[in-house]
Amino acid sequence: MSFESRSEAVVGAHLLSDLKTVYRVLHAHLGEHTELMDTDFLIELQTYLQREAAAEGVDVSHHGAWDAWLGNVDATPCEDRLPRRRTIDP
């Protein structure tokens, strides 16, 4: 696995399991680090992971299925999550 500079960008080749871990950790802490929320990195990482999950037959619009695919084995179900949802003001 590696990073490579290309002009002003950095290209990386990493294990899917590592990318899932990075995404889970970043997503879990967005409330404390709202500056990450709209970064190209996070958006592109999420898009890539959702394409990979969909290719494996996962319905990424179903949060439980998406969480399970990401490896969030103890994720709170949507019906429990929604009443506690908070608005993050970047």
N, C-alpha and C. Protein backbone atom coordinates (compact mmCIF):
# COMPACT_ATOMS: atom_id res chain seq x y z
N MET A 1 0.85 -1.15 0.00
CA MET A 1 0.00 0.00 0.00
C MET A 1 0.90 1.23 0.00
N SER A 2 0.42 2.27 -0.69
CA SER A 2 1.32 3.41 -0.84
C SER A 2 0.57 4.69 -1.18
N PHE A 3 1.29 5.78 -1.04
CA PHE A 3 0.86 7.08 -1.52
C PHE A 3 1.86 7.52 -2.58
N GLU A 4 1.34 8.23 -3.58
CA GLU A 4 2.20 8.72 -4.66
C GLU A 4 1.77 10.13 -5.02
N SER A 5 2.74 11.05 -5.12
CA SER A 5 2.43 12.42 -5.53
C SER A 5 2.24 12.48 -7.03
N ARG A 6 1.19 13.18 -7.45
CA ARG A 6 0.93 13.43 -8.87
C ARG A 6 0.52 14.89 -8.99
N SER A 7 1.45 15.69 -9.44
CA SER A 7 1.23 17.12 -9.53
C SER A 7 0.89 17.64 -8.13
N GLU A 8 -0.29 18.25 -7.98
CA GLU A 8 -0.68 18.77 -6.66
C GLU A 8 -1.55 17.80 -5.88
N ALA A 9 -1.74 16.60 -6.41
CA ALA A 9 -2.60 15.61 -5.77
C ALA A 9 -1.77 14.45 -5.23
N VAL A 10 -2.39 13.68 -4.37
CA VAL A 10 -1.77 12.47 -3.85
C VAL A 10 -2.71 11.31 -4.17
N VAL A 11 -2.14 10.27 -4.74
CA VAL A 11 -2.91 9.09 -5.10
C VAL A 11 -2.49 7.97 -4.15
N GLY A 12 -3.46 7.22 -3.66
CA GLY A 12 -3.14 6.14 -2.73
C GLY A 12 -3.73 4.82 -3.19
N ALA A 13 -3.02 3.77 -2.89
CA ALA A 13 -3.51 2.41 -3.13
C ALA A 13 -3.51 1.71 -1.78
N HIS A 14 -4.72 1.40 -1.30
CA HIS A 14 -4.84 0.85 0.05
C HIS A 14 -5.86 -0.28 0.10
N LEU A 15 -5.74 -1.10 1.09
CA LEU A 15 -6.68 -2.21 1.29
C LEU A 15 -8.07 -1.67 1.59
N LEU A 16 -9.08 -2.35 1.05
CA LEU A 16 -10.46 -1.98 1.30
C LEU A 16 -10.76 -1.97 2.80
N SER A 17 -10.24 -2.92 3.52
CA SER A 17 -10.47 -2.98 4.97
C SER A 17 -9.91 -1.75 5.67
N ASP A 18 -8.76 -1.25 5.22
CA ASP A 18 -8.19 -0.03 5.80
C ASP A 18 -9.05 1.18 5.49
N LEU A 19 -9.56 1.26 4.25
CA LEU A 19 -10.41 2.39 3.87
C LEU A 19 -11.70 2.39 4.67
N LYS A 20 -12.25 1.21 4.93
CA LYS A 20 -13.46 1.11 5.76
C LYS A 20 -13.17 1.62 7.18
N THR A 21 -12.04 1.23 7.72
CA THR A 21 -11.68 1.67 9.08
C THR A 21 -11.53 3.18 9.14
N VAL A 22 -10.83 3.75 8.18
CA VAL A 22 -10.64 5.21 8.14
C VAL A 22 -12.01 5.90 8.05
N TYR A 23 -12.87 5.41 7.18
CA TYR A 23 -14.19 6.02 7.03
C TYR A 23 -15.00 5.93 8.32
N ARG A 24 -15.02 4.75 8.95
CA ARG A 24 -15.78 4.58 10.20
C ARG A 24 -15.31 5.57 11.26
N VAL A 25 -14.01 5.70 11.41
CA VAL A 25 -13.46 6.59 12.45
C VAL A 25 -13.77 8.05 12.12
N LEU A 26 -13.55 8.44 10.87
CA LEU A 26 -13.85 9.83 10.48
C LEU A 26 -15.33 10.14 10.67
N HIS A 27 -16.19 9.24 10.21
CA HIS A 27 -17.62 9.48 10.29
C HIS A 27 -18.09 9.55 11.75
N ALA A 28 -17.51 8.74 12.59
CA ALA A 28 -17.89 8.72 14.01
C ALA A 28 -17.55 10.03 14.72
N HIS A 29 -16.59 10.78 14.17
CA HIS A 29 -16.12 11.99 14.85
C HIS A 29 -16.42 13.28 14.09
N LEU A 30 -17.32 13.22 13.11
CA LEU A 30 -17.65 14.42 12.34
C LEU A 30 -18.21 15.54 13.21
N GLY A 31 -18.93 15.18 14.25
CA GLY A 31 -19.48 16.19 15.15
C GLY A 31 -18.42 17.03 15.84
N GLU A 32 -17.28 16.42 16.08
CA GLU A 32 -16.18 17.15 16.73
C GLU A 32 -15.25 17.81 15.72
N HIS A 33 -15.34 17.38 14.47
CA HIS A 33 -14.43 17.89 13.43
C HIS A 33 -15.24 18.22 12.17
N THR A 34 -16.11 19.20 12.29
CA THR A 34 -17.02 19.52 11.18
C THR A 34 -16.27 19.98 9.93
N GLU A 35 -15.03 20.40 10.07
CA GLU A 35 -14.25 20.84 8.91
C GLU A 35 -14.01 19.69 7.93
N LEU A 36 -14.17 18.46 8.38
CA LEU A 36 -14.00 17.29 7.51
C LEU A 36 -15.24 17.01 6.66
N MET A 37 -16.38 17.51 7.11
CA MET A 37 -17.66 17.12 6.55
C MET A 37 -17.75 17.27 5.03
N ASP A 38 -17.34 18.36 4.49
CA ASP A 38 -17.50 18.62 3.06
C ASP A 38 -16.18 18.54 2.30
N THR A 39 -15.21 17.84 2.85
CA THR A 39 -13.94 17.72 2.14
C THR A 39 -14.08 16.75 0.97
N ASP A 40 -13.35 17.04 -0.09
CA ASP A 40 -13.34 16.13 -1.23
C ASP A 40 -12.92 14.73 -0.80
N PHE A 41 -11.95 14.66 0.12
CA PHE A 41 -11.46 13.36 0.57
C PHE A 41 -12.59 12.50 1.14
N LEU A 42 -13.35 13.06 2.07
CA LEU A 42 -14.41 12.27 2.72
C LEU A 42 -15.53 11.94 1.73
N ILE A 43 -15.90 12.89 0.90
CA ILE A 43 -16.95 12.64 -0.09
C ILE A 43 -16.52 11.55 -1.07
N GLU A 44 -15.29 11.64 -1.57
CA GLU A 44 -14.81 10.64 -2.52
C GLU A 44 -14.62 9.28 -1.87
N LEU A 45 -14.18 9.27 -0.61
CA LEU A 45 -14.03 8.00 0.11
C LEU A 45 -15.39 7.34 0.27
N GLN A 46 -16.39 8.11 0.69
CA GLN A 46 -17.73 7.55 0.87
C GLN A 46 -18.29 7.05 -0.46
N THR A 47 -18.12 7.82 -1.51
CA THR A 47 -18.62 7.42 -2.83
C THR A 47 -17.96 6.12 -3.28
N TYR A 48 -16.65 6.03 -3.11
CA TYR A 48 -15.93 4.82 -3.49
C TYR A 48 -16.43 3.62 -2.70
N LEU A 49 -16.56 3.77 -1.39
CA LEU A 49 -17.00 2.66 -0.55
C LEU A 49 -18.43 2.25 -0.89
N GLN A 50 -19.30 3.23 -1.17
CA GLN A 50 -20.67 2.88 -1.54
C GLN A 50 -20.72 2.12 -2.86
N ARG A 51 -19.88 2.49 -3.82
CA ARG A 51 -19.82 1.74 -5.08
C ARG A 51 -19.36 0.32 -4.85
N GLU A 52 -18.34 0.14 -4.01
CA GLU A 52 -17.84 -1.20 -3.70
C GLU A 52 -18.91 -2.04 -3.00
N ALA A 53 -19.60 -1.42 -2.04
CA ALA A 53 -20.66 -2.13 -1.32
C ALA A 53 -21.78 -2.53 -2.28
N ALA A 54 -22.20 -1.60 -3.13
CA ALA A 54 -23.27 -1.89 -4.09
C ALA A 54 -22.86 -3.02 -5.03
N ALA A 55 -21.59 -3.03 -5.43
CA ALA A 55 -21.08 -4.10 -6.31
C ALA A 55 -21.16 -5.46 -5.63
N GLU A 56 -21.14 -5.46 -4.30
CA GLU A 56 -21.27 -6.71 -3.54
C GLU A 56 -22.72 -7.01 -3.19
N GLY A 57 -23.64 -6.20 -3.72
CA GLY A 57 -25.06 -6.45 -3.49
C GLY A 57 -25.64 -5.78 -2.26
N VAL A 58 -24.92 -4.87 -1.64
CA VAL A 58 -25.41 -4.18 -0.45
C VAL A 58 -26.28 -3.00 -0.86
N ASP A 59 -27.44 -2.87 -0.22
CA ASP A 59 -28.30 -1.71 -0.44
C ASP A 59 -27.77 -0.60 0.47
N VAL A 60 -26.98 0.32 -0.11
CA VAL A 60 -26.34 1.35 0.70
C VAL A 60 -27.31 2.39 1.22
N SER A 61 -28.56 2.38 0.72
CA SER A 61 -29.57 3.30 1.26
C SER A 61 -30.17 2.75 2.55
N HIS A 62 -29.91 1.49 2.84
CA HIS A 62 -30.37 0.87 4.10
C HIS A 62 -29.21 0.98 5.09
N HIS A 63 -29.37 1.87 6.07
CA HIS A 63 -28.25 2.17 6.97
C HIS A 63 -27.72 0.95 7.71
N GLY A 64 -28.61 0.05 8.06
CA GLY A 64 -28.17 -1.17 8.76
C GLY A 64 -27.26 -2.02 7.89
N ALA A 65 -27.64 -2.17 6.62
CA ALA A 65 -26.83 -2.95 5.69
C ALA A 65 -25.50 -2.25 5.42
N TRP A 66 -25.56 -0.94 5.24
CA TRP A 66 -24.34 -0.14 5.01
C TRP A 66 -23.41 -0.23 6.22
N ASP A 67 -23.96 -0.05 7.41
CA ASP A 67 -23.15 -0.15 8.64
C ASP A 67 -22.50 -1.52 8.77
N ALA A 68 -23.27 -2.56 8.52
CA ALA A 68 -22.74 -3.92 8.63
C ALA A 68 -21.61 -4.14 7.64
N TRP A 69 -21.78 -3.66 6.40
CA TRP A 69 -20.74 -3.82 5.39
C TRP A 69 -19.46 -3.08 5.79
N LEU A 70 -19.64 -1.91 6.40
CA LEU A 70 -18.48 -1.14 6.85
C LEU A 70 -17.77 -1.79 8.04
N GLY A 71 -18.46 -2.68 8.71
CA GLY A 71 -17.87 -3.33 9.88
C GLY A 71 -18.35 -2.76 11.20
N ASN A 72 -19.40 -1.95 11.16
CA ASN A 72 -19.99 -1.39 12.38
C ASN A 72 -20.92 -2.43 12.99
N VAL A 73 -20.36 -3.38 13.68
CA VAL A 73 -21.16 -4.48 14.21
C VAL A 73 -22.08 -4.05 15.36
N ASP A 74 -21.74 -2.98 16.04
CA ASP A 74 -22.56 -2.52 17.16
C ASP A 74 -23.27 -1.21 16.84
N ALA A 75 -23.52 -0.96 15.55
CA ALA A 75 -24.17 0.29 15.15
C ALA A 75 -25.60 0.33 15.66
N THR A 76 -26.02 1.52 16.04
CA THR A 76 -27.38 1.74 16.50
C THR A 76 -28.33 1.69 15.31
N PRO A 77 -29.42 0.92 15.40
CA PRO A 77 -30.39 0.87 14.30
C PRO A 77 -30.97 2.26 14.01
N CYS A 78 -31.36 2.49 12.76
CA CYS A 78 -31.90 3.79 12.34
C CYS A 78 -33.07 4.26 13.20
N GLU A 79 -33.98 3.34 13.51
CA GLU A 79 -35.16 3.75 14.29
C GLU A 79 -34.78 4.27 15.67
N ASP A 80 -33.66 3.80 16.22
CA ASP A 80 -33.17 4.32 17.50
C ASP A 80 -32.33 5.58 17.30
N ARG A 81 -31.66 5.65 16.17
CA ARG A 81 -30.76 6.77 15.88
C ARG A 81 -31.53 8.05 15.59
N LEU A 82 -32.62 7.96 14.84
CA LEU A 82 -33.33 9.16 14.39
C LEU A 82 -33.83 10.05 15.53
N PRO A 83 -34.44 9.51 16.57
CA PRO A 83 -34.89 10.41 17.64
C PRO A 83 -33.75 11.16 18.34
N ARG A 84 -32.55 10.60 18.30
CA ARG A 84 -31.41 11.23 18.96
C ARG A 84 -30.55 12.05 18.00
N ARG A 85 -30.97 12.13 16.73
CA ARG A 85 -30.17 12.82 15.72
C ARG A 85 -30.01 14.28 16.08
N ARG A 86 -28.82 14.77 15.92
CA ARG A 86 -28.54 16.18 16.20
C ARG A 86 -28.10 16.85 14.90
N THR A 87 -28.34 18.12 14.81
CA THR A 87 -27.92 18.88 13.65
C THR A 87 -26.52 19.39 13.91
N ILE A 88 -25.64 19.19 12.95
CA ILE A 88 -24.26 19.67 13.07
C ILE A 88 -24.15 20.93 12.23
N ASP A 89 -23.79 22.00 12.86
CA ASP A 89 -23.66 23.29 12.17
C ASP A 89 -22.20 23.57 11.92
N PRO A 90 -21.76 23.37 10.66
CA PRO A 90 -20.34 23.60 10.37
C PRO A 90 -20.09 25.06 10.40
